[in-house]
Amino acid sequence: LLMAQQSAIFCGLMRNTTSQIRDIQGADL
């Protein structure tokens, strides 16, 4: 529980840092 929960929160934080990259679509680069 502790390993999975903390790892999931860590992945969530790292994923949140890239939210604008994933939201802004339509271009290749």
Full PDB file with SEQRES, HELIX, SHEET, SSBOND, CRYST1, ORIGX, SCALE, CONECT and MASTER records, all heavy atoms in Angstrom:
SEQRES   1 A   29  LEU LEU MET ALA GLN GLN SER ALA ILE PHE CYS GLY LEU          
SEQRES   2 A   29  MET ARG ASN THR THR SER GLN ILE ARG ASP ILE GLN GLY          
SEQRES   3 A   29  ALA ASP LEU                                                  
HELIX    1 AA1 LEU A    2  ASN A   16  1                                  15    
HELIX    2 AA2 SER A   19  ASP A   23  1                                   5    
CRYST1    1.000    1.000    1.000  90.00  90.00  90.00 P 1           1          
ORIGX1      1.000000  0.000000  0.000000        0.00000                         
ORIGX2      0.000000  1.000000  0.000000        0.00000                         
ORIGX3      0.000000  0.000000  1.000000        0.00000                         
SCALE1      1.000000  0.000000  0.000000        0.00000                         
SCALE2      0.000000  1.000000  0.000000        0.00000                         
SCALE3      0.000000  0.000000  1.000000        0.00000                         
ATOM      1  N   LEU A   1       0.828  -1.206   0.000  1.00  0.00           N  
ATOM      2  CA  LEU A   1       0.000   0.000   0.000  1.00  0.00           C  
ATOM      3  C   LEU A   1       0.860   1.254   0.000  1.00  0.00           C  
ATOM      4  O   LEU A   1       0.634   2.175  -0.792  1.00  0.00           O  
ATOM      5  CB  LEU A   1      -0.918  -0.009   1.227  1.00  0.00           C  
ATOM      6  CG  LEU A   1      -1.701   1.284   1.509  1.00  0.00           C  
ATOM      7  CD1 LEU A   1      -2.688   1.559   0.388  1.00  0.00           C  
ATOM      8  CD2 LEU A   1      -2.426   1.189   2.845  1.00  0.00           C  
ATOM      9  N   LEU A   2       1.848   1.291   0.877  1.00  0.00           N  
ATOM     10  CA  LEU A   2       2.685   2.486   0.989  1.00  0.00           C  
ATOM     11  C   LEU A   2       3.496   2.706  -0.283  1.00  0.00           C  
ATOM     12  O   LEU A   2       3.582   3.835  -0.794  1.00  0.00           O  
ATOM     13  CB  LEU A   2       3.610   2.346   2.199  1.00  0.00           C  
ATOM     14  CG  LEU A   2       4.389   3.595   2.618  1.00  0.00           C  
ATOM     15  CD1 LEU A   2       3.438   4.733   2.942  1.00  0.00           C  
ATOM     16  CD2 LEU A   2       5.274   3.287   3.831  1.00  0.00           C  
ATOM     17  N   MET A   3       4.067   1.647  -0.828  1.00  0.00           N  
ATOM     18  CA  MET A   3       4.882   1.795  -2.039  1.00  0.00           C  
ATOM     19  C   MET A   3       4.028   2.189  -3.241  1.00  0.00           C  
ATOM     20  O   MET A   3       4.396   3.083  -4.005  1.00  0.00           O  
ATOM     21  CB  MET A   3       5.632   0.492  -2.316  1.00  0.00           C  
ATOM     22  CG  MET A   3       6.746   0.192  -1.331  1.00  0.00           C  
ATOM     23  SD  MET A   3       7.740  -1.256  -1.790  1.00  0.00           S  
ATOM     24  CE  MET A   3       6.538  -2.560  -1.530  1.00  0.00           C  
ATOM     25  N   ALA A   4       2.885   1.533  -3.409  1.00  0.00           N  
ATOM     26  CA  ALA A   4       2.037   1.830  -4.563  1.00  0.00           C  
ATOM     27  C   ALA A   4       1.428   3.222  -4.451  1.00  0.00           C  
ATOM     28  O   ALA A   4       1.383   3.972  -5.439  1.00  0.00           O  
ATOM     29  CB  ALA A   4       0.933   0.772  -4.681  1.00  0.00           C  
ATOM     30  N   GLN A   5       0.959   3.573  -3.254  1.00  0.00           N  
ATOM     31  CA  GLN A   5       0.302   4.881  -3.099  1.00  0.00           C  
ATOM     32  C   GLN A   5       1.284   6.028  -3.297  1.00  0.00           C  
ATOM     33  O   GLN A   5       1.001   6.992  -4.006  1.00  0.00           O  
ATOM     34  CB  GLN A   5      -0.339   4.959  -1.714  1.00  0.00           C  
ATOM     35  CG  GLN A   5      -1.169   6.202  -1.509  1.00  0.00           C  
ATOM     36  CD  GLN A   5      -0.607   7.090  -0.396  1.00  0.00           C  
ATOM     37  OE1 GLN A   5       0.517   6.911   0.041  1.00  0.00           O  
ATOM     38  NE2 GLN A   5      -1.402   8.048   0.023  1.00  0.00           N  
ATOM     39  N   GLN A   6       2.460   5.939  -2.697  1.00  0.00           N  
ATOM     40  CA  GLN A   6       3.442   7.006  -2.845  1.00  0.00           C  
ATOM     41  C   GLN A   6       3.991   7.068  -4.270  1.00  0.00           C  
ATOM     42  O   GLN A   6       4.237   8.164  -4.797  1.00  0.00           O  
ATOM     43  CB  GLN A   6       4.585   6.794  -1.846  1.00  0.00           C  
ATOM     44  CG  GLN A   6       4.200   7.022  -0.399  1.00  0.00           C  
ATOM     45  CD  GLN A   6       3.780   8.457  -0.138  1.00  0.00           C  
ATOM     46  OE1 GLN A   6       4.544   9.384  -0.330  1.00  0.00           O  
ATOM     47  NE2 GLN A   6       2.537   8.641   0.294  1.00  0.00           N  
ATOM     48  N   SER A   7       4.160   5.917  -4.904  1.00  0.00           N  
ATOM     49  CA  SER A   7       4.618   5.911  -6.295  1.00  0.00           C  
ATOM     50  C   SER A   7       3.581   6.531  -7.215  1.00  0.00           C  
ATOM     51  O   SER A   7       3.921   7.261  -8.160  1.00  0.00           O  
ATOM     52  CB  SER A   7       4.922   4.475  -6.739  1.00  0.00           C  
ATOM     53  OG  SER A   7       5.962   3.916  -5.969  1.00  0.00           O  
ATOM     54  N   ALA A   8       2.292   6.266  -6.948  1.00  0.00           N  
ATOM     55  CA  ALA A   8       1.233   6.836  -7.776  1.00  0.00           C  
ATOM     56  C   ALA A   8       1.151   8.353  -7.596  1.00  0.00           C  
ATOM     57  O   ALA A   8       0.918   9.087  -8.569  1.00  0.00           O  
ATOM     58  CB  ALA A   8      -0.102   6.186  -7.421  1.00  0.00           C  
ATOM     59  N   ILE A   9       1.331   8.838  -6.374  1.00  0.00           N  
ATOM     60  CA  ILE A   9       1.333  10.285  -6.155  1.00  0.00           C  
ATOM     61  C   ILE A   9       2.537  10.924  -6.843  1.00  0.00           C  
ATOM     62  O   ILE A   9       2.424  11.996  -7.461  1.00  0.00           O  
ATOM     63  CB  ILE A   9       1.335  10.602  -4.647  1.00  0.00           C  
ATOM     64  CG1 ILE A   9       0.018  10.158  -4.012  1.00  0.00           C  
ATOM     65  CG2 ILE A   9       1.546  12.098  -4.403  1.00  0.00           C  
ATOM     66  CD1 ILE A   9      -0.050  10.385  -2.516  1.00  0.00           C  
ATOM     67  N   PHE A  10       3.686  10.265  -6.765  1.00  0.00           N  
ATOM     68  CA  PHE A  10       4.878  10.773  -7.459  1.00  0.00           C  
ATOM     69  C   PHE A  10       4.636  10.837  -8.967  1.00  0.00           C  
ATOM     70  O   PHE A  10       4.949  11.851  -9.611  1.00  0.00           O  
ATOM     71  CB  PHE A  10       6.073   9.868  -7.150  1.00  0.00           C  
ATOM     72  CG  PHE A  10       7.291  10.155  -7.984  1.00  0.00           C  
ATOM     73  CD1 PHE A  10       8.069  11.261  -7.730  1.00  0.00           C  
ATOM     74  CD2 PHE A  10       7.644   9.316  -9.032  1.00  0.00           C  
ATOM     75  CE1 PHE A  10       9.186  11.540  -8.501  1.00  0.00           C  
ATOM     76  CE2 PHE A  10       8.753   9.585  -9.809  1.00  0.00           C  
ATOM     77  CZ  PHE A  10       9.530  10.686  -9.539  1.00  0.00           C  
ATOM     78  N   CYS A  11       4.072   9.769  -9.543  1.00  0.00           N  
ATOM     79  CA  CYS A  11       3.773   9.776 -10.978  1.00  0.00           C  
ATOM     80  C   CYS A  11       2.763  10.866 -11.309  1.00  0.00           C  
ATOM     81  O   CYS A  11       2.857  11.512 -12.363  1.00  0.00           O  
ATOM     82  CB  CYS A  11       3.237   8.412 -11.408  1.00  0.00           C  
ATOM     83  SG  CYS A  11       4.448   7.085 -11.374  1.00  0.00           S  
ATOM     84  N   GLY A  12       1.791  11.086 -10.410  1.00  0.00           N  
ATOM     85  CA  GLY A  12       0.809  12.141 -10.630  1.00  0.00           C  
ATOM     86  C   GLY A  12       1.448  13.514 -10.649  1.00  0.00           C  
ATOM     87  O   GLY A  12       1.114  14.359 -11.499  1.00  0.00           O  
ATOM     88  N   LEU A  13       2.363  13.756  -9.722  1.00  0.00           N  
ATOM     89  CA  LEU A  13       3.047  15.048  -9.698  1.00  0.00           C  
ATOM     90  C   LEU A  13       3.884  15.259 -10.959  1.00  0.00           C  
ATOM     91  O   LEU A  13       3.873  16.345 -11.561  1.00  0.00           O  
ATOM     92  CB  LEU A  13       3.944  15.144  -8.458  1.00  0.00           C  
ATOM     93  CG  LEU A  13       3.254  15.388  -7.121  1.00  0.00           C  
ATOM     94  CD1 LEU A  13       4.251  15.296  -5.983  1.00  0.00           C  
ATOM     95  CD2 LEU A  13       2.579  16.756  -7.116  1.00  0.00           C  
ATOM     96  N   MET A  14       4.626  14.240 -11.358  1.00  0.00           N  
ATOM     97  CA  MET A  14       5.431  14.362 -12.568  1.00  0.00           C  
ATOM     98  C   MET A  14       4.551  14.557 -13.806  1.00  0.00           C  
ATOM     99  O   MET A  14       4.874  15.329 -14.709  1.00  0.00           O  
ATOM    100  CB  MET A  14       6.302  13.105 -12.752  1.00  0.00           C  
ATOM    101  CG  MET A  14       7.410  12.949 -11.717  1.00  0.00           C  
ATOM    102  SD  MET A  14       8.657  14.270 -11.790  1.00  0.00           S  
ATOM    103  CE  MET A  14       8.115  15.343 -10.472  1.00  0.00           C  
ATOM    104  N   ARG A  15       3.417  13.873 -13.823  1.00  0.00           N  
ATOM    105  CA  ARG A  15       2.494  14.025 -14.942  1.00  0.00           C  
ATOM    106  C   ARG A  15       1.894  15.434 -14.977  1.00  0.00           C  
ATOM    107  O   ARG A  15       1.688  16.009 -16.046  1.00  0.00           O  
ATOM    108  CB  ARG A  15       1.395  12.973 -14.831  1.00  0.00           C  
ATOM    109  CG  ARG A  15       0.423  12.930 -15.996  1.00  0.00           C  
ATOM    110  CD  ARG A  15      -0.556  11.786 -15.803  1.00  0.00           C  
ATOM    111  NE  ARG A  15      -1.629  11.804 -16.772  1.00  0.00           N  
ATOM    112  CZ  ARG A  15      -1.562  11.317 -17.999  1.00  0.00           C  
ATOM    113  NH1 ARG A  15      -0.439  10.758 -18.407  1.00  0.00           N  
ATOM    114  NH2 ARG A  15      -2.602  11.362 -18.820  1.00  0.00           N  
ATOM    115  N   ASN A  16       1.636  15.992 -13.805  1.00  0.00           N  
ATOM    116  CA  ASN A  16       1.066  17.336 -13.749  1.00  0.00           C  
ATOM    117  C   ASN A  16       2.025  18.393 -14.295  1.00  0.00           C  
ATOM    118  O   ASN A  16       1.585  19.430 -14.783  1.00  0.00           O  
ATOM    119  CB  ASN A  16       0.684  17.685 -12.312  1.00  0.00           C  
ATOM    120  CG  ASN A  16      -0.562  16.949 -11.851  1.00  0.00           C  
ATOM    121  OD1 ASN A  16      -1.189  16.227 -12.627  1.00  0.00           O  
ATOM    122  ND2 ASN A  16      -0.920  17.113 -10.594  1.00  0.00           N  
ATOM    123  N   THR A  17       3.325  18.143 -14.196  1.00  0.00           N  
ATOM    124  CA  THR A  17       4.282  19.125 -14.708  1.00  0.00           C  
ATOM    125  C   THR A  17       4.198  19.258 -16.226  1.00  0.00           C  
ATOM    126  O   THR A  17       4.660  20.252 -16.784  1.00  0.00           O  
ATOM    127  CB  THR A  17       5.720  18.737 -14.319  1.00  0.00           C  
ATOM    128  OG1 THR A  17       6.067  17.481 -14.931  1.00  0.00           O  
ATOM    129  CG2 THR A  17       5.874  18.625 -12.806  1.00  0.00           C  
ATOM    130  N   THR A  18       3.624  18.263 -16.890  1.00  0.00           N  
ATOM    131  CA  THR A  18       3.558  18.268 -18.355  1.00  0.00           C  
ATOM    132  C   THR A  18       2.129  18.484 -18.858  1.00  0.00           C  
ATOM    133  O   THR A  18       1.838  18.175 -20.010  1.00  0.00           O  
ATOM    134  CB  THR A  18       4.087  16.932 -18.912  1.00  0.00           C  
ATOM    135  OG1 THR A  18       3.228  15.859 -18.473  1.00  0.00           O  
ATOM    136  CG2 THR A  18       5.499  16.657 -18.422  1.00  0.00           C  
ATOM    137  N   SER A  19       1.256  18.992 -18.018  1.00  0.00           N  
ATOM    138  CA  SER A  19      -0.158  19.093 -18.398  1.00  0.00           C  
ATOM    139  C   SER A  19      -0.359  19.981 -19.623  1.00  0.00           C  
ATOM    140  O   SER A  19      -1.155  19.660 -20.512  1.00  0.00           O  
ATOM    141  CB  SER A  19      -0.980  19.622 -17.222  1.00  0.00           C  
ATOM    142  OG  SER A  19      -0.521  20.903 -16.820  1.00  0.00           O  
ATOM    143  N   GLN A  20       0.357  21.114 -19.696  1.00  0.00           N  
ATOM    144  CA  GLN A  20       0.171  22.001 -20.839  1.00  0.00           C  
ATOM    145  C   GLN A  20       0.663  21.371 -22.143  1.00  0.00           C  
ATOM    146  O   GLN A  20       0.085  21.608 -23.210  1.00  0.00           O  
ATOM    147  CB  GLN A  20       0.906  23.323 -20.612  1.00  0.00           C  
ATOM    148  CG  GLN A  20       0.020  24.453 -20.136  1.00  0.00           C  
ATOM    149  CD  GLN A  20      -0.080  24.454 -18.616  1.00  0.00           C  
ATOM    150  OE1 GLN A  20       0.933  24.605 -17.955  1.00  0.00           O  
ATOM    151  NE2 GLN A  20      -1.260  24.300 -18.082  1.00  0.00           N  
ATOM    152  N   ILE A  21       1.694  20.552 -22.063  1.00  0.00           N  
ATOM    153  CA  ILE A  21       2.194  19.874 -23.264  1.00  0.00           C  
ATOM    154  C   ILE A  21       1.139  18.916 -23.804  1.00  0.00           C  
ATOM    155  O   ILE A  21       0.925  18.808 -25.017  1.00  0.00           O  
ATOM    156  CB  ILE A  21       3.503  19.123 -22.949  1.00  0.00           C  
ATOM    157  CG1 ILE A  21       4.566  20.104 -22.444  1.00  0.00           C  
ATOM    158  CG2 ILE A  21       4.011  18.367 -24.172  1.00  0.00           C  
ATOM    159  CD1 ILE A  21       5.837  19.443 -21.985  1.00  0.00           C  
ATOM    160  N   ARG A  22       0.447  18.235 -22.890  1.00  0.00           N  
ATOM    161  CA  ARG A  22      -0.581  17.285 -23.316  1.00  0.00           C  
ATOM    162  C   ARG A  22      -1.879  17.981 -23.717  1.00  0.00           C  
ATOM    163  O   ARG A  22      -2.635  17.461 -24.540  1.00  0.00           O  
ATOM    164  CB  ARG A  22      -0.832  16.277 -22.194  1.00  0.00           C  
ATOM    165  CG  ARG A  22       0.347  15.331 -21.977  1.00  0.00           C  
ATOM    166  CD  ARG A  22       0.131  14.354 -20.843  1.00  0.00           C  
ATOM    167  NE  ARG A  22       0.249  14.998 -19.543  1.00  0.00           N  
ATOM    168  CZ  ARG A  22      -0.725  15.101 -18.664  1.00  0.00           C  
ATOM    169  NH1 ARG A  22      -1.926  14.616 -18.939  1.00  0.00           N  
ATOM    170  NH2 ARG A  22      -0.528  15.685 -17.491  1.00  0.00           N  
ATOM    171  N   ASP A  23      -2.147  19.135 -23.130  1.00  0.00           N  
ATOM    172  CA  ASP A  23      -3.389  19.852 -23.455  1.00  0.00           C  
ATOM    173  C   ASP A  23      -3.310  20.572 -24.799  1.00  0.00           C  
ATOM    174  O   ASP A  23      -4.290  20.626 -25.545  1.00  0.00           O  
ATOM    175  CB  ASP A  23      -3.712  20.870 -22.360  1.00  0.00           C  
ATOM    176  CG  ASP A  23      -4.323  20.222 -21.124  1.00  0.00           C  
ATOM    177  OD1 ASP A  23      -4.915  19.132 -21.268  1.00  0.00           O  
ATOM    178  OD2 ASP A  23      -4.208  20.790 -20.032  1.00  0.00           O  
ATOM    179  N   ILE A  24      -2.152  21.158 -25.085  1.00  0.00           N  
ATOM    180  CA  ILE A  24      -1.998  21.943 -26.315  1.00  0.00           C  
ATOM    181  C   ILE A  24      -1.663  20.987 -27.455  1.00  0.00           C  
ATOM    182  O   ILE A  24      -0.539  20.505 -27.570  1.00  0.00           O  
ATOM    183  CB  ILE A  24      -0.907  23.017 -26.144  1.00  0.00           C  
ATOM    184  CG1 ILE A  24      -1.318  23.989 -25.026  1.00  0.00           C  
ATOM    185  CG2 ILE A  24      -0.670  23.766 -27.440  1.00  0.00           C  
ATOM    186  CD1 ILE A  24      -0.265  24.996 -24.664  1.00  0.00           C  
ATOM    187  N   GLN A  25      -2.660  20.703 -28.271  1.00  0.00           N  
ATOM    188  CA  GLN A  25      -2.518  19.720 -29.339  1.00  0.00           C  
ATOM    189  C   GLN A  25      -2.751  20.375 -30.694  1.00  0.00           C  
ATOM    190  O   GLN A  25      -3.130  21.531 -30.787  1.00  0.00           O  
ATOM    191  CB  GLN A  25      -3.503  18.568 -29.113  1.00  0.00           C  
ATOM    192  CG  GLN A  25      -3.287  17.833 -27.800  1.00  0.00           C  
ATOM    193  CD  GLN A  25      -4.285  16.720 -27.593  1.00  0.00           C  
ATOM    194  OE1 GLN A  25      -5.157  16.470 -28.422  1.00  0.00           O  
ATOM    195  NE2 GLN A  25      -4.162  16.019 -26.486  1.00  0.00           N  
ATOM    196  N   GLY A  26      -2.514  19.588 -31.727  1.00  0.00           N  
ATOM    197  CA  GLY A  26      -2.722  20.081 -33.087  1.00  0.00           C  
ATOM    198  C   GLY A  26      -1.440  20.315 -33.841  1.00  0.00           C  
ATOM    199  O   GLY A  26      -1.454  20.397 -35.075  1.00  0.00           O  
ATOM    200  N   ALA A  27      -0.322  20.434 -33.126  1.00  0.00           N  
ATOM    201  CA  ALA A  27       0.978  20.647 -33.768  1.00  0.00           C  
ATOM    202  C   ALA A  27       1.865  19.434 -33.534  1.00  0.00           C  
ATOM    203  O   ALA A  27       1.641  18.637 -32.612  1.00  0.00           O  
ATOM    204  CB  ALA A  27       1.646  21.906 -33.222  1.00  0.00           C  
ATOM    205  N   ASP A  28       2.881  19.301 -34.361  1.00  0.00           N  
ATOM    206  CA  ASP A  28       3.817  18.181 -34.249  1.00  0.00           C  
ATOM    207  C   ASP A  28       4.992  18.496 -33.332  1.00  0.00           C  
ATOM    208  O   ASP A  28       5.582  17.586 -32.746  1.00  0.00           O  
ATOM    209  CB  ASP A  28       4.360  17.784 -35.621  1.00  0.00           C  
ATOM    210  CG  ASP A  28       3.299  17.143 -36.503  1.00  0.00           C  
ATOM    211  OD1 ASP A  28       2.349  16.559 -35.937  1.00  0.00           O  
ATOM    212  OD2 ASP A  28       3.412  17.230 -37.731  1.00  0.00           O  
ATOM    213  N   LEU A  29       5.343  19.763 -33.227  1.00  0.00           N  
ATOM    214  CA  LEU A  29       6.540  20.088 -32.452  1.00  0.00           C  
ATOM    215  C   LEU A  29       6.463  21.500 -31.880  1.00  0.00           C  
ATOM    216  O   LEU A  29       5.669  22.333 -32.323  1.00  0.00           O  
ATOM    217  CB  LEU A  29       7.802  19.923 -33.311  1.00  0.00           C  
ATOM    218  CG  LEU A  29       7.823  20.625 -34.666  1.00  0.00           C  
ATOM    219  CD1 LEU A  29       8.648  21.885 -34.590  1.00  0.00           C  
ATOM    220  CD2 LEU A  29       8.386  19.690 -35.727  1.00  0.00           C  
TER     221      LEU A  29                                                      
MASTER        0    0    0    2    0    0    0    6  220    1    0    3          
END                                                                             
